[in-house]
């Protein structure tokens, strides 16, 4: 079959064109997401929630984190917060 004889396989162009378009859209999305992440932009969830290593965390910060993670209940949180504020 010669390269210019496409009438033998009309399905090839109808199948490959949408697949290639989808492939290039996925590649463009991945590149855009990587670029956004590399530049430090994006939703806050992409960033680390802990303070930089140079800043000390207080006991109240740790207590708030434990309460947010669900490690302690409300009563224990309020009791420990009251003790820390004295």
Protein backbone atom coordinates (compact mmCIF):
# COMPACT_ATOMS: atom_id res chain seq x y z
CA UNK A 1 0.00 0.00 0.00
CA UNK A 2 1.43 3.37 -0.98
CA UNK A 3 1.60 6.21 1.56
CA UNK A 4 -0.77 8.39 -0.48
CA UNK A 5 -3.52 5.79 -0.68
CA UNK A 6 -5.64 6.72 2.37
CA UNK A 7 -8.98 5.72 0.83
CA UNK A 8 -8.20 2.15 1.83
CA UNK A 9 -8.34 3.10 5.55
CA UNK A 10 -10.84 5.95 6.12
CA UNK A 11 -11.11 5.02 9.82
CA UNK A 12 -7.48 5.96 10.46
CA UNK A 13 -7.97 9.72 10.15
CA UNK A 14 -11.30 9.66 11.95
CA UNK A 15 -9.78 7.73 14.85
CA UNK A 16 -6.33 9.25 15.12
CA UNK A 17 -7.34 12.91 14.89
CA UNK A 18 -9.47 12.91 18.09
CA UNK A 19 -6.91 10.75 19.90
CA UNK A 20 -4.06 13.08 19.00
CA UNK A 21 -6.12 16.11 20.02
CA UNK A 22 -6.86 14.48 23.36
CA UNK A 23 -3.20 13.57 23.80
CA UNK A 24 -2.05 17.15 23.15
CA UNK A 25 -4.69 18.56 25.51
CA UNK A 26 -3.53 16.24 28.29
CA UNK A 27 0.11 17.17 27.67
CA UNK A 28 -0.76 20.89 27.70
CA UNK A 29 -2.69 20.48 30.98
CA UNK A 30 0.18 18.60 32.65
CA UNK A 31 2.70 21.24 31.54
CA UNK A 32 0.44 24.07 32.76
CA UNK A 33 -0.13 22.38 36.15
CA UNK A 34 3.60 21.74 36.59
CA UNK A 35 4.40 25.35 35.69
CA UNK A 36 1.81 26.72 38.12
CA UNK A 37 3.13 24.49 40.87
CA UNK A 38 6.76 25.37 40.10
CA UNK A 39 5.97 29.08 40.27
CA UNK A 40 4.41 28.60 43.72
CA UNK A 41 0.92 29.58 42.70
CA UNK A 42 -2.20 27.51 43.09
CA UNK A 43 -4.58 26.58 45.87
CA UNK A 44 -3.30 26.92 49.45
CA UNK A 45 -3.64 23.15 49.87
CA UNK A 46 -0.62 22.73 47.59
CA UNK A 47 1.56 24.58 50.07
CA UNK A 48 2.88 23.16 53.30
CA UNK A 49 0.74 24.04 56.28
CA UNK A 50 3.60 24.02 58.78
CA UNK A 51 5.57 27.17 59.50
CA UNK A 52 9.10 27.46 58.13
CA UNK A 53 11.74 25.68 60.20
CA UNK A 54 13.16 28.94 61.57
CA UNK A 55 9.94 29.90 63.36
CA UNK A 56 9.26 28.16 66.69
CA UNK A 57 5.82 26.67 67.25
CA UNK A 58 4.08 27.50 70.49
CA UNK A 59 2.18 25.04 72.64
CA UNK A 60 -1.07 26.72 71.56
CA UNK A 61 -0.15 26.15 67.88
CA UNK A 62 0.37 22.45 68.57
CA UNK A 63 -2.88 22.27 70.53
CA UNK A 64 -4.79 23.92 67.66
CA UNK A 65 -3.26 21.48 65.17
CA UNK A 66 -4.22 18.48 67.30
CA UNK A 67 -7.78 19.74 67.63
CA UNK A 68 -7.99 20.40 63.88
CA UNK A 69 -6.79 16.86 63.12
CA UNK A 70 -9.39 15.42 65.50
CA UNK A 71 -6.87 13.91 67.92
CA UNK A 72 -8.58 15.56 70.90
CA UNK A 73 -12.22 16.43 71.52
CA UNK A 74 -13.68 19.85 72.29
CA UNK A 75 -13.73 19.44 76.08
CA UNK A 76 -10.08 18.39 76.22
CA UNK A 77 -9.14 21.21 73.83
CA UNK A 78 -10.88 23.88 75.90
CA UNK A 79 -9.41 22.54 79.16
CA UNK A 80 -5.86 22.52 77.81
CA UNK A 81 -6.33 25.92 76.21
CA UNK A 82 -7.50 27.31 79.55
CA UNK A 83 -4.43 25.81 81.26
CA UNK A 84 -2.09 27.27 78.67
CA UNK A 85 -3.55 30.76 78.94
CA UNK A 86 -2.97 30.97 82.72
